[in-house]
């Protein structure tokens, strides 16, 4: 059940956050094509993934509107096949990263983990 705050934030707050703090990323669906969307990008530090033999990896989380025209709809994501091009550091060239999973869907945003 959605509360009143979540409903109002989805209508007004999420777009305001993207306007103030968002950056352009490119979504590449497995089916082909691409489109530019605005996302909030959270860049984590390098971490060691012991399960993969001590491989260093940087995880990136992007938050986009759950919308097929202004963002990415949750129903269109194919984890493991779709990719998002995002810069590892602000100002660097963007590289394509695989969508590992959708971590959350709340207040109009999708929280997507990239590797």
PDB file of N, CA and C in Angstrom:
ATOM      1  N   UNK A   1       0.842  -1.186   0.000  1.00  0.00           N
ATOM      2  CA  UNK A   1       0.000   0.000   0.000  1.00  0.00           C
ATOM      3  C   UNK A   1       0.884   1.245   0.000  1.00  0.00           C
ATOM      4  N   UNK A   2       0.555   2.186  -0.853  1.00  0.00           N
ATOM      5  CA  UNK A   2       1.319   3.420  -0.969  1.00  0.00           C
ATOM      6  C   UNK A   2       0.729   4.486  -0.059  1.00  0.00           C
ATOM      7  N   UNK A   3       1.605   5.183   0.664  1.00  0.00           N
ATOM      8  CA  UNK A   3       1.104   6.251   1.528  1.00  0.00           C
ATOM      9  C   UNK A   3       1.060   7.576   0.762  1.00  0.00           C
ATOM     10  N   UNK A   4       0.513   8.575   1.391  1.00  0.00           N
ATOM     11  CA  UNK A   4       0.328   9.868   0.720  1.00  0.00           C
ATOM     12  C   UNK A   4       1.659  10.518   0.343  1.00  0.00           C
ATOM     13  N   UNK A   5       2.649  10.416   1.242  1.00  0.00           N
ATOM     14  CA  UNK A   5       3.963  10.989   0.950  1.00  0.00           C
ATOM     15  C   UNK A   5       4.556  10.364  -0.314  1.00  0.00           C
ATOM     16  N   UNK A   6       4.529   9.050  -0.409  1.00  0.00           N
ATOM     17  CA  UNK A   6       5.101   8.358  -1.569  1.00  0.00           C
ATOM     18  C   UNK A   6       4.415   8.785  -2.858  1.00  0.00           C
ATOM     19  N   UNK A   7       3.107   8.931  -2.807  1.00  0.00           N
ATOM     20  CA  UNK A   7       2.347   9.350  -3.984  1.00  0.00           C
ATOM     21  C   UNK A   7       2.743  10.761  -4.415  1.00  0.00           C
ATOM     22  N   UNK A   8       2.810  11.687  -3.470  1.00  0.00           N
ATOM     23  CA  UNK A   8       3.173  13.066  -3.794  1.00  0.00           C
ATOM     24  C   UNK A   8       4.624  13.184  -4.243  1.00  0.00           C
ATOM     25  N   UNK A   9       5.524  12.430  -3.589  1.00  0.00           N
ATOM     26  CA  UNK A   9       6.926  12.482  -3.976  1.00  0.00           C
ATOM     27  C   UNK A   9       7.116  11.959  -5.393  1.00  0.00           C
ATOM     28  N   UNK A  10       6.390  10.904  -5.735  1.00  0.00           N
ATOM     29  CA  UNK A  10       6.476  10.347  -7.089  1.00  0.00           C
ATOM     30  C   UNK A  10       6.060  11.387  -8.130  1.00  0.00           C
ATOM     31  N   UNK A  11       5.048  12.192  -7.807  1.00  0.00           N
ATOM     32  CA  UNK A  11       4.555  13.201  -8.748  1.00  0.00           C
ATOM     33  C   UNK A  11       5.481  14.404  -8.878  1.00  0.00           C
ATOM     34  N   UNK A  12       6.117  14.816  -7.778  1.00  0.00           N
ATOM     35  CA  UNK A  12       6.863  16.074  -7.811  1.00  0.00           C
ATOM     36  C   UNK A  12       8.325  15.950  -7.385  1.00  0.00           C
ATOM     37  N   UNK A  13       8.591  15.271  -6.324  1.00  0.00           N
ATOM     38  CA  UNK A  13       9.942  15.230  -5.750  1.00  0.00           C
ATOM     39  C   UNK A  13      10.965  14.504  -6.594  1.00  0.00           C
ATOM     40  N   UNK A  14      10.574  13.380  -7.177  1.00  0.00           N
ATOM     41  CA  UNK A  14      11.540  12.584  -7.946  1.00  0.00           C
ATOM     42  C   UNK A  14      12.053  13.364  -9.152  1.00  0.00           C
ATOM     43  N   UNK A  15      11.188  14.044  -9.841  1.00  0.00           N
ATOM     44  CA  UNK A  15      11.621  14.833 -11.001  1.00  0.00           C
ATOM     45  C   UNK A  15      12.498  16.010 -10.582  1.00  0.00           C
ATOM     46  N   UNK A  16      12.183  16.615  -9.429  1.00  0.00           N
ATOM     47  CA  UNK A  16      12.996  17.713  -8.915  1.00  0.00           C
ATOM     48  C   UNK A  16      14.408  17.265  -8.570  1.00  0.00           C
ATOM     49  N   UNK A  17      14.536  16.093  -7.950  1.00  0.00           N
ATOM     50  CA  UNK A  17      15.860  15.552  -7.631  1.00  0.00           C
ATOM     51  C   UNK A  17      16.674  15.297  -8.894  1.00  0.00           C
ATOM     52  N   UNK A  18      16.038  14.728  -9.894  1.00  0.00           N
ATOM     53  CA  UNK A  18      16.742  14.470 -11.152  1.00  0.00           C
ATOM     54  C   UNK A  18      17.171  15.766 -11.819  1.00  0.00           C
ATOM     55  N   UNK A  19      16.330  16.778 -11.763  1.00  0.00           N
ATOM     56  CA  UNK A  19      16.664  18.070 -12.367  1.00  0.00           C
ATOM     57  C   UNK A  19      17.888  18.686 -11.678  1.00  0.00           C
ATOM     58  N   UNK A  20      17.920  18.621 -10.347  1.00  0.00           N
ATOM     59  CA  UNK A  20      19.002  19.237  -9.584  1.00  0.00           C
ATOM     60  C   UNK A  20      20.293  18.425  -9.595  1.00  0.00           C
ATOM     61  N   UNK A  21      20.192  17.095  -9.477  1.00  0.00           N
ATOM     62  CA  UNK A  21      21.372  16.278  -9.231  1.00  0.00           C
ATOM     63  C   UNK A  21      21.609  15.178 -10.266  1.00  0.00           C
ATOM     64  N   UNK A  22      20.749  15.088 -11.267  1.00  0.00           N
ATOM     65  CA  UNK A  22      20.860  14.004 -12.233  1.00  0.00           C
ATOM     66  C   UNK A  22      21.940  14.222 -13.276  1.00  0.00           C
ATOM     67  N   UNK A  23      22.327  13.123 -13.897  1.00  0.00           N
ATOM     68  CA  UNK A  23      23.263  13.183 -15.015  1.00  0.00           C
ATOM     69  C   UNK A  23      22.754  12.250 -16.105  1.00  0.00           C
ATOM     70  N   UNK A  24      23.166  12.521 -17.309  1.00  0.00           N
ATOM     71  CA  UNK A  24      22.697  11.751 -18.450  1.00  0.00           C
ATOM     72  C   UNK A  24      23.447  10.419 -18.541  1.00  0.00           C
ATOM     73  N   UNK A  25      22.691   9.329 -18.674  1.00  0.00           N
ATOM     74  CA  UNK A  25      23.244   8.003 -18.913  1.00  0.00           C
ATOM     75  C   UNK A  25      22.511   7.429 -20.127  1.00  0.00           C
ATOM     76  N   UNK A  26      23.066   6.388 -20.718  1.00  0.00           N
ATOM     77  CA  UNK A  26      22.430   5.782 -21.886  1.00  0.00           C
ATOM     78  C   UNK A  26      22.030   4.355 -21.557  1.00  0.00           C
ATOM     79  N   UNK A  27      20.760   4.039 -21.800  1.00  0.00           N
ATOM     80  CA  UNK A  27      20.199   2.711 -21.549  1.00  0.00           C
ATOM     81  C   UNK A  27      20.223   1.912 -22.850  1.00  0.00           C
ATOM     82  N   UNK A  28      20.786   0.694 -22.794  1.00  0.00           N
ATOM     83  CA  UNK A  28      20.875  -0.207 -23.938  1.00  0.00           C
ATOM     84  C   UNK A  28      20.091  -1.481 -23.638  1.00  0.00           C
ATOM     85  N   UNK A  29      18.845  -1.582 -24.098  1.00  0.00           N
ATOM     86  CA  UNK A  29      18.074  -2.814 -23.888  1.00  0.00           C
ATOM     87  C   UNK A  29      18.676  -3.975 -24.683  1.00  0.00           C
ATOM     88  N   UNK A  30      18.530  -5.174 -24.179  1.00  0.00           N
ATOM     89  CA  UNK A  30      19.017  -6.370 -24.856  1.00  0.00           C
ATOM     90  C   UNK A  30      18.389  -6.504 -26.241  1.00  0.00           C
ATOM     91  N   UNK A  31      17.145  -6.055 -26.385  1.00  0.00           N
ATOM     92  CA  UNK A  31      16.420  -6.162 -27.655  1.00  0.00           C
ATOM     93  C   UNK A  31      16.991  -5.248 -28.744  1.00  0.00           C
ATOM     94  N   UNK A  32      17.857  -4.307 -28.358  1.00  0.00           N
ATOM     95  CA  UNK A  32      18.451  -3.409 -29.345  1.00  0.00           C
ATOM     96  C   UNK A  32      18.024  -1.973 -29.140  1.00  0.00           C
ATOM     97  N   UNK A  33      18.762  -1.078 -29.762  1.00  0.00           N
ATOM     98  CA  UNK A  33      18.478   0.344 -29.636  1.00  0.00           C
ATOM     99  C   UNK A  33      19.107   0.922 -28.379  1.00  0.00           C
ATOM    100  N   UNK A  34      18.851   2.187 -28.147  1.00  0.00           N
ATOM    101  CA  UNK A  34      19.342   2.856 -26.941  1.00  0.00           C
ATOM    102  C   UNK A  34      18.555   4.142 -26.746  1.00  0.00           C
ATOM    103  N   UNK A  35      18.617   4.665 -25.538  1.00  0.00           N
ATOM    104  CA  UNK A  35      18.015   5.973 -25.278  1.00  0.00           C
ATOM    105  C   UNK A  35      18.690   6.610 -24.075  1.00  0.00           C
ATOM    106  N   UNK A  36      18.748   7.915 -24.104  1.00  0.00           N
ATOM    107  CA  UNK A  36      19.354   8.683 -23.023  1.00  0.00           C
ATOM    108  C   UNK A  36      18.298   8.958 -21.954  1.00  0.00           C
ATOM    109  N   UNK A  37      18.676   8.751 -20.695  1.00  0.00           N
ATOM    110  CA  UNK A  37      17.796   9.041 -19.563  1.00  0.00           C
ATOM    111  C   UNK A  37      18.608   9.785 -18.508  1.00  0.00           C
ATOM    112  N   UNK A  38      17.913  10.487 -17.635  1.00  0.00           N
ATOM    113  CA  UNK A  38      18.569  11.181 -16.536  1.00  0.00           C
ATOM    114  C   UNK A  38      18.508  10.297 -15.303  1.00  0.00           C
ATOM    115  N   UNK A  39      19.653  10.173 -14.619  1.00  0.00           N
ATOM    116  CA  UNK A  39      19.736   9.284 -13.457  1.00  0.00           C
ATOM    117  C   UNK A  39      20.525   9.939 -12.331  1.00  0.00           C
ATOM    118  N   UNK A  40      20.221   9.510 -11.117  1.00  0.00           N
ATOM    119  CA  UNK A  40      21.069   9.818  -9.973  1.00  0.00           C
ATOM    120  C   UNK A  40      22.072   8.676  -9.901  1.00  0.00           C
ATOM    121  N   UNK A  41      23.360   8.983  -9.919  1.00  0.00           N
ATOM    122  CA  UNK A  41      24.393   7.946  -9.963  1.00  0.00           C
ATOM    123  C   UNK A  41      25.134   7.914  -8.629  1.00  0.00           C
ATOM    124  N   UNK A  42      25.159   6.739  -8.010  1.00  0.00           N
ATOM    125  CA  UNK A  42      25.883   6.526  -6.762  1.00  0.00           C
ATOM    126  C   UNK A  42      27.086   5.649  -7.069  1.00  0.00           C
ATOM    127  N   UNK A  43      28.269   6.209  -6.930  1.00  0.00           N
ATOM    128  CA  UNK A  43      29.498   5.478  -7.245  1.00  0.00           C
ATOM    129  C   UNK A  43      30.159   5.025  -5.953  1.00  0.00           C
ATOM    130  N   UNK A  44      30.302   3.716  -5.783  1.00  0.00           N
ATOM    131  CA  UNK A  44      30.966   3.166  -4.604  1.00  0.00           C
ATOM    132  C   UNK A  44      32.444   2.978  -4.890  1.00  0.00           C
ATOM    133  N   UNK A  45      33.205   2.875  -3.820  1.00  0.00           N
ATOM    134  CA  UNK A  45      34.628   2.625  -3.973  1.00  0.00           C
ATOM    135  C   UNK A  45      34.862   1.207  -4.474  1.00  0.00           C
ATOM    136  N   UNK A  46      36.081   0.949  -4.929  1.00  0.00           N
ATOM    137  CA  UNK A  46      36.440  -0.388  -5.368  1.00  0.00           C
ATOM    138  C   UNK A  46      36.301  -1.361  -4.209  1.00  0.00           C
ATOM    139  N   UNK A  47      35.828  -2.553  -4.500  1.00  0.00           N
ATOM    140  CA  UNK A  47      35.715  -3.590  -3.480  1.00  0.00           C
ATOM    141  C   UNK A  47      36.292  -4.883  -4.029  1.00  0.00           C
ATOM    142  N   UNK A  48      36.722  -5.724  -3.132  1.00  0.00           N
ATOM    143  CA  UNK A  48      37.281  -7.012  -3.527  1.00  0.00           C
ATOM    144  C   UNK A  48      36.168  -8.050  -3.459  1.00  0.00           C
ATOM    145  N   UNK A  49      35.988  -8.769  -4.538  1.00  0.00           N
ATOM    146  CA  UNK A  49      34.950  -9.795  -4.609  1.00  0.00           C
ATOM    147  C   UNK A  49      35.636 -11.152  -4.440  1.00  0.00           C
ATOM    148  N   UNK A  50      35.647 -11.685  -3.230  1.00  0.00           N
ATOM    149  CA  UNK A  50      36.357 -12.924  -2.913  1.00  0.00           C
ATOM    150  C   UNK A  50      35.786 -14.126  -3.664  1.00  0.00           C
ATOM    151  N   UNK A  51      34.481 -14.127  -3.911  1.00  0.00           N
ATOM    152  CA  UNK A  51      33.838 -15.243  -4.592  1.00  0.00           C
ATOM    153  C   UNK A  51      34.359 -15.426  -6.013  1.00  0.00           C
ATOM    154  N   UNK A  52      34.904 -14.368  -6.577  1.00  0.00           N
ATOM    155  CA  UNK A  52      35.409 -14.417  -7.947  1.00  0.00           C
ATOM    156  C   UNK A  52      36.935 -14.505  -7.991  1.00  0.00           C
ATOM    157  N   UNK A  53      37.550 -14.843  -6.870  1.00  0.00           N
ATOM    158  CA  UNK A  53      39.003 -14.956  -6.844  1.00  0.00           C
ATOM    159  C   UNK A  53      39.699 -13.641  -6.598  1.00  0.00           C
ATOM    160  N   UNK A  54      39.217 -12.863  -5.648  1.00  0.00           N
ATOM    161  CA  UNK A  54      39.810 -11.580  -5.269  1.00  0.00           C
ATOM    162  C   UNK A  54      39.892 -10.597  -6.432  1.00  0.00           C
ATOM    163  N   UNK A  55      38.834 -10.486  -7.155  1.00  0.00           N
ATOM    164  CA  UNK A  55      38.744  -9.535  -8.262  1.00  0.00           C
ATOM    165  C   UNK A  55      38.258  -8.201  -7.713  1.00  0.00           C
ATOM    166  N   UNK A  56      38.904  -7.117  -8.124  1.00  0.00           N
ATOM    167  CA  UNK A  56      38.441  -5.799  -7.708  1.00  0.00           C
ATOM    168  C   UNK A  56      37.292  -5.374  -8.606  1.00  0.00           C
ATOM    169  N   UNK A  57      36.274  -4.816  -7.999  1.00  0.00           N
ATOM    170  CA  UNK A  57      35.100  -4.406  -8.761  1.00  0.00           C
ATOM    171  C   UNK A  57      34.544  -3.118  -8.179  1.00  0.00           C
ATOM    172  N   UNK A  58      34.015  -2.292  -9.032  1.00  0.00           N
ATOM    173  CA  UNK A  58      33.357  -1.078  -8.577  1.00  0.00           C
ATOM    174  C   UNK A  58      31.879  -1.197  -8.902  1.00  0.00           C
ATOM    175  N   UNK A  59      31.063  -1.177  -7.874  1.00  0.00           N
ATOM    176  CA  UNK A  59      29.628  -1.237  -8.129  1.00  0.00           C
ATOM    177  C   UNK A  59      29.085   0.181  -8.264  1.00  0.00           C
ATOM    178  N   UNK A  60      28.153   0.315  -9.164  1.00  0.00           N
ATOM    179  CA  UNK A  60      27.495   1.597  -9.388  1.00  0.00           C
ATOM    180  C   UNK A  60      25.998   1.360  -9.279  1.00  0.00           C
ATOM    181  N   UNK A  61      25.343   2.243  -8.569  1.00  0.00           N
ATOM    182  CA  UNK A  61      23.892   2.179  -8.449  1.00  0.00           C
ATOM    183  C   UNK A  61      23.329   3.422  -9.127  1.00  0.00           C
ATOM    184  N   UNK A  62      22.355   3.209 -10.010  1.00  0.00           N
ATOM    185  CA  UNK A  62      21.675   4.341 -10.635  1.00  0.00           C
ATOM    186  C   UNK A  62      20.210   4.326 -10.213  1.00  0.00           C
ATOM    187  N   UNK A  63      19.692   5.494 -10.028  1.00  0.00           N
ATOM    188  CA  UNK A  63      18.255   5.651  -9.743  1.00  0.00           C
ATOM    189  C   UNK A  63      17.645   6.398 -10.913  1.00  0.00           C
ATOM    190  N   UNK A  64      16.649   5.780 -11.513  1.00  0.00           N
ATOM    191  CA  UNK A  64      15.954   6.374 -12.653  1.00  0.00           C
ATOM    192  C   UNK A  64      14.462   6.341 -12.379  1.00  0.00           C
ATOM    193  N   UNK A  65      13.731   7.199 -13.081  1.00  0.00           N
ATOM    194  CA  UNK A  65      12.278   7.157 -12.956  1.00  0.00           C
ATOM    195  C   UNK A  65      11.755   5.839 -13.494  1.00  0.00           C
ATOM    196  N   UNK A  66      10.804   5.249 -12.808  1.00  0.00           N
ATOM    197  CA  UNK A  66      10.147   4.025 -13.270  1.00  0.00           C
ATOM    198  C   UNK A  66       9.084   4.440 -14.281  1.00  0.00           C
ATOM    199  N   UNK A  67       9.571   4.730 -15.486  1.00  0.00           N
ATOM    200  CA  UNK A  67       8.716   5.273 -16.535  1.00  0.00           C
ATOM    201  C   UNK A  67       9.351   4.938 -17.884  1.00  0.00           C
ATOM    202  N   UNK A  68       8.577   4.424 -18.810  1.00  0.00           N
ATOM    203  CA  UNK A  68       9.131   3.971 -20.091  1.00  0.00           C
ATOM    204  C   UNK A  68       9.546   5.102 -21.026  1.00  0.00           C
ATOM    205  N   UNK A  69       9.136   6.341 -20.764  1.00  0.00           N
ATOM    206  CA  UNK A  69       9.555   7.447 -21.625  1.00  0.00           C
ATOM    207  C   UNK A  69      10.545   8.386 -20.942  1.00  0.00           C
ATOM    208  N   UNK A  70      10.347   8.663 -19.659  1.00  0.00           N
ATOM    209  CA  UNK A  70      11.234   9.583 -18.940  1.00  0.00           C
ATOM    210  C   UNK A  70      12.387   8.875 -18.235  1.00  0.00           C
ATOM    211  N   UNK A  71      12.279   7.568 -18.091  1.00  0.00           N
ATOM    212  CA  UNK A  71      13.307   6.782 -17.404  1.00  0.00           C
ATOM    213  C   UNK A  71      13.342   5.387 -17.993  1.00  0.00           C
ATOM    214  N   UNK A  72      13.300   4.392 -17.121  1.00  0.00           N
ATOM    215  CA  UNK A  72      13.269   2.987 -17.531  1.00  0.00           C
ATOM    216  C   UNK A  72      12.165   2.307 -16.735  1.00  0.00           C
ATOM    217  N   UNK A  73      11.236   1.677 -17.410  1.00  0.00           N
ATOM    218  CA  UNK A  73      10.150   0.977 -16.716  1.00  0.00           C
ATOM    219  C   UNK A  73      10.662  -0.347 -16.174  1.00  0.00           C
ATOM    220  N   UNK A  74      10.222  -0.709 -14.992  1.00  0.00           N
ATOM    221  CA  UNK A  74      10.654  -1.969 -14.372  1.00  0.00           C
ATOM    222  C   UNK A  74      10.275  -3.167 -15.223  1.00  0.00           C
ATOM    223  N   UNK A  75       9.211  -3.056 -15.989  1.00  0.00           N
ATOM    224  CA  UNK A  75       8.746  -4.168 -16.817  1.00  0.00           C
ATOM    225  C   UNK A  75       9.598  -4.414 -18.050  1.00  0.00           C
ATOM    226  N   UNK A  76      10.452  -3.455 -18.420  1.00  0.00           N
ATOM    227  CA  UNK A  76      11.259  -3.618 -19.629  1.00  0.00           C
ATOM    228  C   UNK A  76      12.691  -4.068 -19.353  1.00  0.00           C
ATOM    229  N   UNK A  77      13.090  -4.172 -18.109  1.00  0.00           N
ATOM    230  CA  UNK A  77      14.467  -4.517 -17.776  1.00  0.00           C
ATOM    231  C   UNK A  77      14.703  -6.019 -17.866  1.00  0.00           C
ATOM    232  N   UNK A  78      15.784  -6.386 -18.568  1.00  0.00           N
ATOM    233  CA  UNK A  78      16.259  -7.769 -18.642  1.00  0.00           C
ATOM    234  C   UNK A  78      17.610  -7.812 -17.930  1.00  0.00           C
ATOM    235  N   UNK A  79      17.622  -8.243 -16.663  1.00  0.00           N
ATOM    236  CA  UNK A  79      18.884  -8.280 -15.933  1.00  0.00           C
ATOM    237  C   UNK A  79      19.830  -9.275 -16.590  1.00  0.00           C
ATOM    238  N   UNK A  80      21.090  -8.911 -16.639  1.00  0.00           N
ATOM    239  CA  UNK A  80      22.089  -9.753 -17.269  1.00  0.00           C
ATOM    240  C   UNK A  80      22.223  -9.514 -18.763  1.00  0.00           C
ATOM    241  N   UNK A  81      21.289  -8.788 -19.361  1.00  0.00           N
ATOM    242  CA  UNK A  81      21.345  -8.523 -20.794  1.00  0.00           C
ATOM    243  C   UNK A  81      21.348  -7.041 -21.106  1.00  0.00           C
ATOM    244  N   UNK A  82      20.543  -6.281 -20.392  1.00  0.00           N
ATOM    245  CA  UNK A  82      20.500  -4.835 -20.599  1.00  0.00           C
ATOM    246  C   UNK A  82      21.743  -4.191 -19.998  1.00  0.00           C
ATOM    247  N   UNK A  83      22.112  -3.040 -20.554  1.00  0.00           N
ATOM    248  CA  UNK A  83      23.279  -2.309 -20.071  1.00  0.00           C
ATOM    249  C   UNK A  83      22.957  -0.823 -19.952  1.00  0.00           C
ATOM    250  N   UNK A  84      23.727  -0.157 -19.116  1.00  0.00           N
ATOM    251  CA  UNK A  84      23.639   1.294 -18.985  1.00  0.00           C
ATOM    252  C   UNK A  84      25.055   1.840 -19.099  1.00  0.00           C
ATOM    253  N   UNK A  85      25.241   2.828 -19.963  1.00  0.00           N
ATOM    254  CA  UNK A  85      26.541   3.483 -20.107  1.00  0.00           C
ATOM    255  C   UNK A  85      26.606   4.639 -19.121  1.00  0.00           C
ATOM    256  N   UNK A  86      27.591   4.568 -18.238  1.00  0.00           N
ATOM    257  CA  UNK A  86      27.769   5.578 -17.195  1.00  0.00           C
ATOM    258  C   UNK A  86      29.266   5.752 -16.949  1.00  0.00           C
ATOM    259  N   UNK A  87      29.670   6.956 -16.600  1.00  0.00           N
ATOM    260  CA  UNK A  87      31.076   7.232 -16.305  1.00  0.00           C
ATOM    261  C   UNK A  87      31.421   6.725 -14.908  1.00  0.00           C
ATOM    262  N   UNK A  88      32.601   6.114 -14.776  1.00  0.00           N
ATOM    263  CA  UNK A  88      33.049   5.644 -13.464  1.00  0.00           C
ATOM    264  C   UNK A  88      33.345   6.808 -12.530  1.00  0.00           C
ATOM    265  N   UNK A  89      33.783   7.928 -13.109  1.00  0.00           N
ATOM    266  CA  UNK A  89      34.009   9.157 -12.361  1.00  0.00           C
ATOM    267  C   UNK A  89      33.369  10.297 -13.140  1.00  0.00           C
ATOM    268  N   UNK A  90      32.891  11.285 -12.433  1.00  0.00           N
ATOM    269  CA  UNK A  90      32.284  12.439 -13.084  1.00  0.00           C
ATOM    270  C   UNK A  90      33.303  13.084 -14.016  1.00  0.00           C
ATOM    271  N   UNK A  91      32.894  13.333 -15.257  1.00  0.00           N
ATOM    272  CA  UNK A  91      33.751  13.973 -16.238  1.00  0.00           C
ATOM    273  C   UNK A  91      34.500  13.004 -17.135  1.00  0.00           C
ATOM    274  N   UNK A  92      34.525  11.710 -16.786  1.00  0.00           N
ATOM    275  CA  UNK A  92      35.187  10.715 -17.629  1.00  0.00           C
ATOM    276  C   UNK A  92      34.224  10.208 -18.693  1.00  0.00           C
ATOM    277  N   UNK A  93      34.769   9.476 -19.657  1.00  0.00           N
ATOM    278  CA  UNK A  93      33.935   8.879 -20.697  1.00  0.00           C
ATOM    279  C   UNK A  93      33.093   7.756 -20.101  1.00  0.00           C
ATOM    280  N   UNK A  94      31.888   7.632 -20.593  1.00  0.00           N
ATOM    281  CA  UNK A  94      30.976   6.589 -20.104  1.00  0.00           C
ATOM    282  C   UNK A  94      31.357   5.231 -20.690  1.00  0.00           C
ATOM    283  N   UNK A  95      31.191   4.188 -19.890  1.00  0.00           N
ATOM    284  CA  UNK A  95      31.390   2.819 -20.352  1.00  0.00           C
ATOM    285  C   UNK A  95      30.122   2.030 -20.059  1.00  0.00           C
ATOM    286  N   UNK A  96      29.871   1.037 -20.891  1.00  0.00           N
ATOM    287  CA  UNK A  96      28.666   0.227 -20.718  1.00  0.00           C
ATOM    288  C   UNK A  96      28.871  -0.778 -19.592  1.00  0.00           C
ATOM    289  N   UNK A  97      27.887  -0.831 -18.681  1.00  0.00           N
ATOM    290  CA  UNK A  97      27.915  -1.724 -17.533  1.00  0.00           C
ATOM    291  C   UNK A  97      26.630  -2.550 -17.525  1.00  0.00           C
ATOM    292  N   UNK A  98      26.745  -3.818 -17.186  1.00  0.00           N
ATOM    293  CA  UNK A  98      25.582  -4.714 -17.170  1.00  0.00           C
ATOM    294  C   UNK A  98      24.678  -4.416 -15.977  1.00  0.00           C
ATOM    295  N   UNK A  99      23.380  -4.518 -16.213  1.00  0.00           N
ATOM    296  CA  UNK A  99      22.409  -4.410 -15.127  1.00  0.00           C
ATOM    297  C   UNK A  99      22.382  -5.751 -14.408  1.00  0.00           C
ATOM    298  N   UNK A 100      22.777  -5.743 -13.134  1.00  0.00           N
ATOM    299  CA  UNK A 100      22.827  -6.968 -12.342  1.00  0.00           C
ATOM    300  C   UNK A 100      21.461  -7.274 -11.739  1.00  0.00           C
ATOM    301  N   UNK A 101      20.852  -6.249 -11.156  1.00  0.00           N
ATOM    302  CA  UNK A 101      19.509  -6.441 -10.594  1.00  0.00           C
ATOM    303  C   UNK A 101      18.851  -5.105 -10.265  1.00  0.00           C
ATOM    304  N   UNK A 102      17.545  -5.159 -10.149  1.00  0.00           N
ATOM    305  CA  UNK A 102      16.775  -4.015  -9.669  1.00  0.00           C
ATOM    306  C   UNK A 102      16.666  -4.200  -8.166  1.00  0.00           C
ATOM    307  N   UNK A 103      17.271  -3.293  -7.412  1.00  0.00           N
ATOM    308  CA  UNK A 103      17.313  -3.436  -5.962  1.00  0.00           C
ATOM    309  C   UNK A 103      16.050  -2.953  -5.281  1.00  0.00           C
ATOM    310  N   UNK A 104      15.414  -1.945  -5.832  1.00  0.00           N
ATOM    311  CA  UNK A 104      14.215  -1.396  -5.195  1.00  0.00           C
ATOM    312  C   UNK A 104      13.385  -0.639  -6.216  1.00  0.00           C
ATOM    313  N   UNK A 105      12.123  -0.501  -5.879  1.00  0.00           N
ATOM    314  CA  UNK A 105      11.174   0.251  -6.690  1.00  0.00           C
ATOM    315  C   UNK A 105      10.275   1.004  -5.718  1.00  0.00           C
ATOM    316  N   UNK A 106      10.605   2.278  -5.478  1.00  0.00           N
ATOM    317  CA  UNK A 106       9.781   3.038  -4.537  1.00  0.00           C
ATOM    318  C   UNK A 106       9.752   4.508  -4.922  1.00  0.00           C
ATOM    319  N   UNK A 107       8.689   5.165  -4.563  1.00  0.00           N
ATOM    320  CA  UNK A 107       8.449   6.594  -4.795  1.00  0.00           C
ATOM    321  C   UNK A 107       8.789   7.040  -6.210  1.00  0.00           C
ATOM    322  N   UNK A 108       8.501   6.187  -7.185  1.00  0.00           N
ATOM    323  CA  UNK A 108       8.706   6.553  -8.578  1.00  0.00           C
ATOM    324  C   UNK A 108      10.075   6.253  -9.121  1.00  0.00           C
ATOM    325  N   UNK A 109      10.995   5.832  -8.277  1.00  0.00           N
ATOM    326  CA  UNK A 109      12.368   5.513  -8.694  1.00  0.00           C
ATOM    327  C   UNK A 109      12.610   4.023  -8.739  1.00  0.00           C
ATOM    328  N   UNK A 110      13.457   3.608  -9.689  1.00  0.00           N
ATOM    329  CA  UNK A 110      14.039   2.273  -9.676  1.00  0.00           C
ATOM    330  C   UNK A 110      15.464   2.434  -9.196  1.00  0.00           C
ATOM    331  N   UNK A 111      15.910   1.561  -8.327  1.00  0.00           N
ATOM    332  CA  UNK A 111      17.305   1.530  -7.884  1.00  0.00           C
ATOM    333  C   UNK A 111      17.937   0.329  -8.557  1.00  0.00           C
ATOM    334  N   UNK A 112      18.888   0.584  -9.473  1.00  0.00           N
ATOM    335  CA  UNK A 112      19.466  -0.465 -10.325  1.00  0.00           C
ATOM    336  C   UNK A 112      20.947  -0.619 -10.020  1.00  0.00           C
ATOM    337  N   UNK A 113      21.370  -1.872  -9.760  1.00  0.00           N
ATOM    338  CA  UNK A 113      22.769  -2.174  -9.507  1.00  0.00           C
ATOM    339  C   UNK A 113      23.453  -2.557 -10.813  1.00  0.00           C
ATOM    340  N   UNK A 114      24.602  -1.902 -11.081  1.00  0.00           N
ATOM    341  CA  UNK A 114      25.398  -2.167 -12.280  1.00  0.00           C
ATOM    342  C   UNK A 114      26.737  -2.771 -11.881  1.00  0.00           C
ATOM    343  N   UNK A 115      27.298  -3.609 -12.745  1.00  0.00           N
ATOM    344  CA  UNK A 115      28.649  -4.148 -12.536  1.00  0.00           C
ATOM    345  C   UNK A 115      29.434  -4.000 -13.812  1.00  0.00           C
TER     346      UNK A 115
END
